[in-house]
Amino acid sequence: MPEIKDPENTIIMTLKNGDVVIELLPDVAPKHSARMKELARAGKYDNVAFHRVIEGFMAQTGDVQHANMEQNYNPGRCGTGGSDLPDLPAEFSKLPHDRGTLGAARSQNPNSANSQFFINFKDNHFLNGQYTVYGRVISGMEHVDKIARGEPPASPDRMISVKVAADV
């Protein structure tokens, strides 16, 4: 595990192959960072499937409404839901969508991000300025690289648990 400089703004996501440590960027995207911590602290991300995983692009998860593989799992609706909290306004920045960055998933409306997010497998600079970047993987990217591919994957992987480092 890397040195965690700011435990209050660090997420520990446990996947089947190990932990992924994510540094949130509250100075860049305060609302998105706060939302991830709020949902993690409420246990909403635990057991949520990676419902859209595209080789050479990204792994998407975070549909807390339809993708919890332990309760109300609905593979046909995965990717269409969010949380019961209001949508977030876009927090675009100059930060590029590099390998390992977290981007806020949304509909065509830039102000529709809620609970879903994606982790970039590679530099995806064509997304710059169009999707909010609010975190980066600082350790465990090799575990992200092993997430089952598919739209949706035939046998999806899940976030086993998602915690704020300050709470662990």
N, C-alpha and C. Protein backbone atom coordinates (compact mmCIF):
# COMPACT_ATOMS: atom_id res chain seq x y z
N MET A 1 0.85 -1.18 0.00
CA MET A 1 0.00 0.00 0.00
C MET A 1 0.90 1.24 0.00
N PRO A 2 0.55 2.23 -0.83
CA PRO A 2 1.38 3.44 -0.89
C PRO A 2 1.17 4.29 0.36
N GLU A 3 2.03 5.26 0.54
CA GLU A 3 1.83 6.21 1.62
C GLU A 3 0.60 7.05 1.30
N ILE A 4 -0.34 7.11 2.23
CA ILE A 4 -1.56 7.89 2.03
C ILE A 4 -1.37 9.24 2.69
N LYS A 5 -1.31 10.29 1.87
CA LYS A 5 -1.03 11.64 2.37
C LYS A 5 -2.25 12.28 3.01
N ASP A 6 -3.44 11.99 2.45
CA ASP A 6 -4.67 12.62 2.93
C ASP A 6 -5.76 11.55 3.06
N PRO A 7 -5.81 10.85 4.20
CA PRO A 7 -6.76 9.73 4.35
C PRO A 7 -8.21 10.13 4.15
N GLU A 8 -8.56 11.38 4.45
CA GLU A 8 -9.95 11.82 4.28
C GLU A 8 -10.33 11.91 2.80
N ASN A 9 -9.34 12.06 1.92
CA ASN A 9 -9.60 12.16 0.49
C ASN A 9 -8.93 11.03 -0.29
N THR A 10 -8.91 9.85 0.32
CA THR A 10 -8.38 8.66 -0.32
C THR A 10 -9.41 7.55 -0.18
N ILE A 11 -9.64 6.85 -1.28
CA ILE A 11 -10.60 5.75 -1.33
C ILE A 11 -9.83 4.44 -1.45
N ILE A 12 -10.25 3.43 -0.71
CA ILE A 12 -9.70 2.08 -0.86
C ILE A 12 -10.82 1.20 -1.40
N MET A 13 -10.65 0.79 -2.66
CA MET A 13 -11.62 -0.05 -3.36
C MET A 13 -11.06 -1.46 -3.41
N THR A 14 -11.76 -2.41 -2.81
CA THR A 14 -11.31 -3.79 -2.82
C THR A 14 -11.95 -4.53 -3.99
N LEU A 15 -11.10 -5.08 -4.85
CA LEU A 15 -11.54 -5.91 -5.98
C LEU A 15 -11.11 -7.34 -5.69
N LYS A 16 -11.53 -8.29 -6.53
CA LYS A 16 -11.22 -9.71 -6.26
C LYS A 16 -9.73 -9.98 -6.22
N ASN A 17 -8.93 -9.21 -6.95
CA ASN A 17 -7.49 -9.45 -7.01
C ASN A 17 -6.68 -8.58 -6.05
N GLY A 18 -7.34 -7.66 -5.35
CA GLY A 18 -6.61 -6.81 -4.41
C GLY A 18 -7.17 -5.41 -4.32
N ASP A 19 -6.51 -4.58 -3.52
CA ASP A 19 -6.98 -3.22 -3.27
C ASP A 19 -6.48 -2.24 -4.32
N VAL A 20 -7.38 -1.30 -4.64
CA VAL A 20 -7.06 -0.18 -5.52
C VAL A 20 -7.17 1.07 -4.65
N VAL A 21 -6.10 1.85 -4.60
CA VAL A 21 -6.08 3.06 -3.79
C VAL A 21 -6.25 4.26 -4.72
N ILE A 22 -7.26 5.07 -4.41
CA ILE A 22 -7.63 6.20 -5.26
C ILE A 22 -7.50 7.49 -4.47
N GLU A 23 -6.73 8.42 -5.03
CA GLU A 23 -6.60 9.75 -4.45
C GLU A 23 -7.69 10.62 -5.06
N LEU A 24 -8.59 11.13 -4.22
CA LEU A 24 -9.60 12.06 -4.71
C LEU A 24 -8.99 13.44 -4.88
N LEU A 25 -9.63 14.28 -5.70
CA LEU A 25 -9.10 15.60 -6.02
C LEU A 25 -10.12 16.67 -5.64
N PRO A 26 -10.33 16.88 -4.32
CA PRO A 26 -11.35 17.84 -3.90
C PRO A 26 -11.05 19.28 -4.28
N ASP A 27 -9.78 19.59 -4.52
CA ASP A 27 -9.42 20.95 -4.96
C ASP A 27 -9.85 21.19 -6.41
N VAL A 28 -10.00 20.11 -7.19
CA VAL A 28 -10.38 20.20 -8.60
C VAL A 28 -11.88 19.99 -8.79
N ALA A 29 -12.43 19.01 -8.08
CA ALA A 29 -13.84 18.65 -8.22
C ALA A 29 -14.43 18.35 -6.84
N PRO A 30 -14.69 19.40 -6.06
CA PRO A 30 -15.13 19.19 -4.67
C PRO A 30 -16.46 18.45 -4.54
N LYS A 31 -17.42 18.72 -5.41
CA LYS A 31 -18.74 18.08 -5.29
C LYS A 31 -18.66 16.59 -5.62
N HIS A 32 -17.91 16.24 -6.68
CA HIS A 32 -17.77 14.84 -7.06
C HIS A 32 -16.99 14.05 -6.01
N SER A 33 -15.93 14.67 -5.47
CA SER A 33 -15.14 14.01 -4.42
C SER A 33 -16.00 13.77 -3.18
N ALA A 34 -16.78 14.77 -2.80
CA ALA A 34 -17.65 14.63 -1.62
C ALA A 34 -18.70 13.55 -1.85
N ARG A 35 -19.25 13.46 -3.06
CA ARG A 35 -20.27 12.46 -3.37
C ARG A 35 -19.70 11.05 -3.25
N MET A 36 -18.49 10.85 -3.78
CA MET A 36 -17.91 9.51 -3.69
C MET A 36 -17.71 9.11 -2.24
N LYS A 37 -17.25 10.04 -1.41
CA LYS A 37 -17.04 9.73 0.01
C LYS A 37 -18.38 9.46 0.70
N GLU A 38 -19.40 10.23 0.37
CA GLU A 38 -20.72 10.05 0.99
C GLU A 38 -21.28 8.67 0.66
N LEU A 39 -21.21 8.27 -0.61
CA LEU A 39 -21.73 6.96 -1.02
C LEU A 39 -20.88 5.82 -0.46
N ALA A 40 -19.56 6.02 -0.41
CA ALA A 40 -18.69 4.98 0.16
C ALA A 40 -19.00 4.80 1.64
N ARG A 41 -19.14 5.89 2.37
CA ARG A 41 -19.42 5.81 3.81
C ARG A 41 -20.77 5.17 4.09
N ALA A 42 -21.72 5.30 3.17
CA ALA A 42 -23.04 4.71 3.33
C ALA A 42 -23.07 3.24 2.87
N GLY A 43 -21.92 2.75 2.35
CA GLY A 43 -21.85 1.37 1.87
C GLY A 43 -22.53 1.14 0.53
N LYS A 44 -22.88 2.21 -0.15
CA LYS A 44 -23.65 2.10 -1.40
C LYS A 44 -22.85 1.47 -2.54
N TYR A 45 -21.54 1.62 -2.55
CA TYR A 45 -20.72 1.07 -3.63
C TYR A 45 -20.35 -0.40 -3.41
N ASP A 46 -20.53 -0.92 -2.21
CA ASP A 46 -20.16 -2.31 -1.92
C ASP A 46 -20.99 -3.26 -2.79
N ASN A 47 -20.32 -4.21 -3.43
CA ASN A 47 -20.93 -5.24 -4.29
C ASN A 47 -21.53 -4.73 -5.59
N VAL A 48 -21.16 -3.53 -6.00
CA VAL A 48 -21.68 -2.97 -7.25
C VAL A 48 -20.81 -3.44 -8.42
N ALA A 49 -21.48 -3.92 -9.47
CA ALA A 49 -20.82 -4.50 -10.65
C ALA A 49 -20.15 -3.45 -11.52
N PHE A 50 -19.10 -3.89 -12.20
CA PHE A 50 -18.54 -3.15 -13.33
C PHE A 50 -19.38 -3.57 -14.53
N HIS A 51 -20.31 -2.71 -14.96
CA HIS A 51 -21.30 -3.09 -15.96
C HIS A 51 -20.89 -2.77 -17.40
N ARG A 52 -19.85 -1.97 -17.58
CA ARG A 52 -19.41 -1.59 -18.93
C ARG A 52 -17.89 -1.48 -18.89
N VAL A 53 -17.24 -2.47 -19.50
CA VAL A 53 -15.78 -2.53 -19.43
C VAL A 53 -15.26 -2.75 -20.85
N ILE A 54 -14.64 -1.73 -21.41
CA ILE A 54 -14.22 -1.75 -22.81
C ILE A 54 -12.71 -1.81 -22.88
N GLU A 55 -12.20 -2.88 -23.49
CA GLU A 55 -10.76 -3.09 -23.65
C GLU A 55 -10.13 -1.86 -24.29
N GLY A 56 -9.02 -1.41 -23.71
CA GLY A 56 -8.29 -0.28 -24.25
C GLY A 56 -8.96 1.06 -24.02
N PHE A 57 -10.03 1.08 -23.23
CA PHE A 57 -10.75 2.33 -22.98
C PHE A 57 -10.94 2.55 -21.48
N MET A 58 -11.96 1.90 -20.88
CA MET A 58 -12.23 2.16 -19.48
C MET A 58 -13.13 1.08 -18.87
N ALA A 59 -13.21 1.12 -17.51
CA ALA A 59 -14.10 0.25 -16.74
C ALA A 59 -15.08 1.14 -16.00
N GLN A 60 -16.39 0.92 -16.24
CA GLN A 60 -17.42 1.76 -15.63
C GLN A 60 -18.20 0.97 -14.59
N THR A 61 -18.53 1.66 -13.49
CA THR A 61 -19.25 1.08 -12.37
C THR A 61 -20.00 2.19 -11.64
N GLY A 62 -20.59 1.85 -10.50
CA GLY A 62 -21.18 2.86 -9.64
C GLY A 62 -22.69 3.01 -9.73
N ASP A 63 -23.38 2.14 -10.50
CA ASP A 63 -24.84 2.21 -10.55
C ASP A 63 -25.37 1.57 -9.26
N VAL A 64 -25.53 2.39 -8.23
CA VAL A 64 -25.93 1.86 -6.93
C VAL A 64 -27.41 1.45 -6.90
N GLN A 65 -28.16 1.86 -7.90
CA GLN A 65 -29.59 1.52 -7.97
C GLN A 65 -29.84 0.13 -8.53
N HIS A 66 -29.12 -0.24 -9.62
CA HIS A 66 -29.41 -1.48 -10.34
C HIS A 66 -28.28 -2.50 -10.36
N ALA A 67 -27.08 -2.14 -9.91
CA ALA A 67 -25.92 -3.02 -10.12
C ALA A 67 -25.36 -3.64 -8.85
N ASN A 68 -26.07 -3.53 -7.72
CA ASN A 68 -25.60 -4.20 -6.50
C ASN A 68 -25.86 -5.68 -6.66
N MET A 69 -24.81 -6.46 -6.74
CA MET A 69 -24.92 -7.89 -7.05
C MET A 69 -25.45 -8.70 -5.87
N GLU A 70 -25.64 -8.07 -4.71
CA GLU A 70 -26.18 -8.76 -3.54
C GLU A 70 -27.65 -8.40 -3.28
N GLN A 71 -28.14 -7.31 -3.90
CA GLN A 71 -29.54 -6.93 -3.69
C GLN A 71 -30.05 -6.15 -4.89
N ASN A 72 -31.22 -6.52 -5.37
CA ASN A 72 -31.90 -5.84 -6.48
C ASN A 72 -31.05 -5.76 -7.75
N TYR A 73 -30.17 -6.75 -7.96
CA TYR A 73 -29.31 -6.74 -9.16
C TYR A 73 -30.18 -6.92 -10.40
N ASN A 74 -30.03 -6.01 -11.35
CA ASN A 74 -30.81 -6.08 -12.58
C ASN A 74 -29.88 -5.83 -13.77
N PRO A 75 -29.30 -6.92 -14.32
CA PRO A 75 -28.31 -6.74 -15.40
C PRO A 75 -28.86 -5.95 -16.59
N GLY A 76 -30.14 -6.07 -16.85
CA GLY A 76 -30.72 -5.34 -17.97
C GLY A 76 -30.81 -3.84 -17.74
N ARG A 77 -30.79 -3.43 -16.49
CA ARG A 77 -30.89 -2.00 -16.16
C ARG A 77 -29.57 -1.40 -15.71
N CYS A 78 -28.54 -2.25 -15.52
CA CYS A 78 -27.24 -1.75 -15.07
C CYS A 78 -26.76 -0.63 -15.99
N GLY A 79 -26.34 0.44 -15.38
CA GLY A 79 -25.84 1.58 -16.14
C GLY A 79 -26.88 2.65 -16.35
N THR A 80 -28.13 2.38 -15.95
CA THR A 80 -29.19 3.37 -16.14
C THR A 80 -29.55 4.09 -14.85
N GLY A 81 -29.00 3.67 -13.73
CA GLY A 81 -29.39 4.24 -12.44
C GLY A 81 -28.31 5.05 -11.78
N GLY A 82 -28.73 5.67 -10.68
CA GLY A 82 -27.81 6.44 -9.87
C GLY A 82 -28.17 6.23 -8.41
N SER A 83 -27.89 7.24 -7.61
CA SER A 83 -28.25 7.18 -6.19
C SER A 83 -29.55 7.96 -6.00
N ASP A 84 -30.01 8.03 -4.77
CA ASP A 84 -31.21 8.83 -4.48
C ASP A 84 -30.85 10.29 -4.20
N LEU A 85 -29.59 10.66 -4.41
CA LEU A 85 -29.12 12.03 -4.23
C LEU A 85 -29.25 12.79 -5.55
N PRO A 86 -29.30 14.12 -5.50
CA PRO A 86 -29.45 14.89 -6.74
C PRO A 86 -28.21 14.76 -7.64
N ASP A 87 -28.44 14.94 -8.95
CA ASP A 87 -27.33 14.96 -9.90
C ASP A 87 -26.38 16.10 -9.57
N LEU A 88 -25.14 15.96 -10.06
CA LEU A 88 -24.09 16.94 -9.78
C LEU A 88 -23.82 17.81 -11.00
N PRO A 89 -23.49 19.09 -10.77
CA PRO A 89 -23.06 19.92 -11.89
C PRO A 89 -21.66 19.51 -12.35
N ALA A 90 -21.40 19.68 -13.62
CA ALA A 90 -20.07 19.37 -14.16
C ALA A 90 -19.02 20.20 -13.43
N GLU A 91 -17.86 19.59 -13.20
CA GLU A 91 -16.71 20.29 -12.62
C GLU A 91 -15.51 20.06 -13.54
N PHE A 92 -15.63 20.57 -14.76
CA PHE A 92 -14.58 20.38 -15.75
C PHE A 92 -13.32 21.13 -15.33
N SER A 93 -12.17 20.58 -15.70
CA SER A 93 -10.90 21.18 -15.36
C SER A 93 -9.92 20.94 -16.50
N LYS A 94 -8.70 21.39 -16.29
CA LYS A 94 -7.64 21.17 -17.27
C LYS A 94 -6.97 19.80 -17.09
N LEU A 95 -7.36 19.05 -16.05
CA LEU A 95 -6.75 17.74 -15.83
C LEU A 95 -7.12 16.79 -16.96
N PRO A 96 -6.12 16.12 -17.55
CA PRO A 96 -6.41 15.20 -18.65
C PRO A 96 -6.92 13.85 -18.14
N HIS A 97 -7.66 13.19 -19.01
CA HIS A 97 -8.11 11.82 -18.74
C HIS A 97 -6.96 10.87 -19.07
N ASP A 98 -6.03 10.76 -18.14
CA ASP A 98 -4.88 9.88 -18.29
C ASP A 98 -5.21 8.50 -17.74
N ARG A 99 -4.36 7.53 -18.04
CA ARG A 99 -4.51 6.18 -17.48
C ARG A 99 -4.62 6.28 -15.97
N GLY A 100 -5.63 5.61 -15.41
CA GLY A 100 -5.80 5.56 -13.97
C GLY A 100 -6.63 6.68 -13.38
N THR A 101 -7.05 7.65 -14.20
CA THR A 101 -7.89 8.71 -13.64
C THR A 101 -9.33 8.23 -13.56
N LEU A 102 -10.06 8.82 -12.60
CA LEU A 102 -11.49 8.58 -12.43
C LEU A 102 -12.25 9.68 -13.14
N GLY A 103 -13.22 9.27 -13.94
CA GLY A 103 -14.10 10.23 -14.59
C GLY A 103 -15.53 10.00 -14.15
N ALA A 104 -16.30 11.06 -14.07
CA ALA A 104 -17.71 10.97 -13.70
C ALA A 104 -18.51 10.56 -14.93
N ALA A 105 -19.21 9.43 -14.84
CA ALA A 105 -20.09 9.00 -15.93
C ALA A 105 -21.37 9.83 -15.86
N ARG A 106 -21.94 10.09 -17.02
CA ARG A 106 -23.14 10.93 -17.09
C ARG A 106 -23.90 10.63 -18.37
N SER A 107 -25.08 11.23 -18.50
CA SER A 107 -25.83 11.14 -19.75
C SER A 107 -25.31 12.23 -20.70
N GLN A 108 -26.07 12.54 -21.74
CA GLN A 108 -25.67 13.62 -22.66
C GLN A 108 -25.61 14.97 -21.96
N ASN A 109 -26.38 15.11 -20.88
CA ASN A 109 -26.40 16.36 -20.11
C ASN A 109 -25.13 16.43 -19.24
N PRO A 110 -24.30 17.44 -19.44
CA PRO A 110 -23.05 17.53 -18.66
C PRO A 110 -23.28 17.62 -17.15
N ASN A 111 -24.47 18.04 -16.73
CA ASN A 111 -24.78 18.20 -15.31
C ASN A 111 -25.62 17.04 -14.78
N SER A 112 -25.38 15.82 -15.29
CA SER A 112 -26.19 14.67 -14.90
C SER A 112 -25.40 13.58 -14.17
N ALA A 113 -24.15 13.84 -13.83
CA ALA A 113 -23.38 12.84 -13.08
C ALA A 113 -24.02 12.64 -11.72
N ASN A 114 -23.99 11.38 -11.23
CA ASN A 114 -24.60 11.10 -9.94
C ASN A 114 -23.70 10.18 -9.13
N SER A 115 -23.77 8.86 -9.38
CA SER A 115 -22.96 7.91 -8.61
C SER A 115 -22.00 7.12 -9.49
N GLN A 116 -22.27 7.07 -10.79
CA GLN A 116 -21.45 6.24 -11.68
C GLN A 116 -20.14 6.94 -12.04
N PHE A 117 -19.10 6.11 -12.21
CA PHE A 117 -17.80 6.63 -12.60
C PHE A 117 -17.07 5.58 -13.42
N PHE A 118 -15.98 6.01 -14.04
CA PHE A 118 -15.15 5.09 -14.81
C PHE A 118 -13.69 5.34 -14.49
N ILE A 119 -12.90 4.27 -14.69
CA ILE A 119 -11.45 4.35 -14.52
C ILE A 119 -10.85 4.11 -15.90
N ASN A 120 -10.03 5.03 -16.34
CA ASN A 120 -9.41 4.93 -17.67
C ASN A 120 -8.30 3.88 -17.68
N PHE A 121 -8.38 2.96 -18.67
CA PHE A 121 -7.32 1.96 -18.86
C PHE A 121 -6.10 2.58 -19.54
N LYS A 122 -6.31 3.64 -20.30
CA LYS A 122 -5.21 4.30 -21.01
C LYS A 122 -5.51 5.79 -21.05
N ASP A 123 -4.59 6.56 -21.62
CA ASP A 123 -4.84 7.99 -21.80
C ASP A 123 -5.98 8.14 -22.80
N ASN A 124 -7.05 8.79 -22.39
CA ASN A 124 -8.23 9.01 -23.24
C ASN A 124 -8.48 10.51 -23.35
N HIS A 125 -7.55 11.21 -23.98
CA HIS A 125 -7.58 12.66 -24.02
C HIS A 125 -8.74 13.23 -24.82
N PHE A 126 -9.39 12.41 -25.64
CA PHE A 126 -10.57 12.88 -26.38
C PHE A 126 -11.73 13.19 -25.41
N LEU A 127 -11.63 12.73 -24.16
CA LEU A 127 -12.65 13.02 -23.14
C LEU A 127 -12.37 14.32 -22.39
N ASN A 128 -11.18 14.89 -22.57
CA ASN A 128 -10.78 16.09 -21.81
C ASN A 128 -11.80 17.21 -21.99
N GLY A 129 -12.16 17.84 -20.87
CA GLY A 129 -13.08 18.97 -20.91
C GLY A 129 -14.53 18.59 -21.12
N GLN A 130 -14.82 17.27 -21.20
CA GLN A 130 -16.20 16.83 -21.43
C GLN A 130 -16.74 16.01 -20.27
N TYR A 131 -15.85 15.43 -19.47
CA TYR A 131 -16.23 14.62 -18.32
C TYR A 131 -15.36 15.05 -17.14
N THR A 132 -15.96 15.16 -15.98
CA THR A 132 -15.25 15.59 -14.78
C THR A 132 -14.23 14.54 -14.35
N VAL A 133 -13.00 14.97 -14.15
CA VAL A 133 -11.96 14.12 -13.54
C VAL A 133 -11.92 14.48 -12.06
N TYR A 134 -12.07 13.46 -11.19
CA TYR A 134 -12.07 13.79 -9.76
C TYR A 134 -11.25 12.84 -8.90
N GLY A 135 -10.44 12.00 -9.54
CA GLY A 135 -9.56 11.13 -8.77
C GLY A 135 -8.55 10.46 -9.66
N ARG A 136 -7.56 9.80 -9.00
CA ARG A 136 -6.58 9.03 -9.78
C ARG A 136 -6.13 7.84 -8.94
N VAL A 137 -5.92 6.72 -9.62
CA VAL A 137 -5.43 5.52 -8.96
C VAL A 137 -3.95 5.74 -8.64
N ILE A 138 -3.60 5.57 -7.36
CA ILE A 138 -2.19 5.73 -6.97
C ILE A 138 -1.54 4.39 -6.67
N SER A 139 -2.36 3.33 -6.59
CA SER A 139 -1.83 1.98 -6.41
C SER A 139 -2.92 0.97 -6.73
N GLY A 140 -2.52 -0.15 -7.34
CA GLY A 140 -3.46 -1.22 -7.64
C GLY A 140 -4.04 -1.18 -9.04
N MET A 141 -3.47 -0.38 -9.92
CA MET A 141 -3.99 -0.32 -11.29
C MET A 141 -3.91 -1.69 -11.97
N GLU A 142 -2.96 -2.53 -11.52
CA GLU A 142 -2.87 -3.88 -12.10
C GLU A 142 -4.14 -4.69 -11.81
N HIS A 143 -4.83 -4.37 -10.72
CA HIS A 143 -6.10 -5.06 -10.41
C HIS A 143 -7.23 -4.54 -11.30
N VAL A 144 -7.22 -3.24 -11.57
CA VAL A 144 -8.21 -2.65 -12.49
C VAL A 144 -8.05 -3.28 -13.88
N ASP A 145 -6.80 -3.49 -14.29
CA ASP A 145 -6.53 -4.06 -15.61
C ASP A 145 -7.11 -5.47 -15.77
N LYS A 146 -7.41 -6.15 -14.67
CA LYS A 146 -7.91 -7.54 -14.72
C LYS A 146 -9.44 -7.63 -14.66
N ILE A 147 -10.14 -6.49 -14.61
CA ILE A 147 -11.61 -6.51 -14.54
C ILE A 147 -12.17 -7.12 -15.82
N ALA A 148 -13.18 -8.00 -15.66
CA ALA A 148 -13.79 -8.70 -16.80
C ALA A 148 -14.38 -7.70 -17.80
N ARG A 149 -14.08 -7.93 -19.09
CA ARG A 149 -14.53 -7.04 -20.16
C ARG A 149 -15.94 -7.42 -20.64
N GLY A 150 -16.63 -6.42 -21.21
CA GLY A 150 -17.94 -6.64 -21.80
C GLY A 150 -18.87 -5.47 -21.56
N GLU A 151 -19.93 -5.43 -22.34
CA GLU A 151 -20.96 -4.39 -22.22
C GLU A 151 -22.34 -5.02 -22.22
N PRO A 152 -22.78 -5.69 -21.20
CA PRO A 152 -22.09 -5.94 -19.94
C PRO A 152 -21.22 -7.20 -20.03
N PRO A 153 -20.30 -7.37 -19.10
CA PRO A 153 -19.52 -8.60 -19.07
C PRO A 153 -20.44 -9.81 -18.79
N ALA A 154 -20.13 -10.95 -19.37
CA ALA A 154 -20.92 -12.16 -19.15
C ALA A 154 -20.93 -12.53 -17.67
N SER A 155 -19.79 -12.37 -17.03
CA SER A 155 -19.68 -12.64 -15.59
C SER A 155 -18.97 -11.44 -14.96
N PRO A 156 -19.74 -10.40 -14.60
CA PRO A 156 -19.11 -9.14 -14.18
C PRO A 156 -18.35 -9.23 -12.87
N ASP A 157 -17.28 -8.45 -12.80
CA ASP A 157 -16.58 -8.25 -11.54
C ASP A 157 -17.31 -7.15 -10.78
N ARG A 158 -16.99 -7.04 -9.50
CA ARG A 158 -17.66 -6.05 -8.66
C ARG A 158 -16.66 -5.36 -7.75
N MET A 159 -17.08 -4.23 -7.21
CA MET A 159 -16.34 -3.59 -6.13
C MET A 159 -16.80 -4.31 -4.87
N ILE A 160 -15.95 -5.10 -4.27
CA ILE A 160 -16.32 -5.85 -3.07
C ILE A 160 -16.62 -4.87 -1.93
N SER A 161 -15.73 -3.91 -1.75
CA SER A 161 -16.00 -2.84 -0.77
C SER A 161 -15.29 -1.57 -1.21
N VAL A 162 -15.86 -0.45 -0.81
CA VAL A 162 -15.30 0.87 -1.11
C VAL A 162 -15.35 1.66 0.19
N LYS A 163 -14.18 2.05 0.68
CA LYS A 163 -14.08 2.75 1.97
C LYS A 163 -13.23 4.01 1.83
N VAL A 164 -13.52 4.98 2.69
CA VAL A 164 -12.65 6.15 2.83
C VAL A 164 -11.50 5.73 3.75
N ALA A 165 -10.27 5.99 3.33
CA ALA A 165 -9.10 5.53 4.10
C ALA A 165 -9.13 6.02 5.55
N ALA A 166 -9.66 7.20 5.79
CA ALA A 166 -9.71 7.74 7.16
C ALA A 166 -10.58 6.87 8.07
N ASP A 167 -11.47 6.08 7.50
CA ASP A 167 -12.40 5.25 8.28
C ASP A 167 -11.90 3.82 8.50
N VAL A 168 -10.80 3.46 7.84
CA VAL A 168 -10.32 2.08 7.90
C VAL A 168 -9.42 1.88 9.10
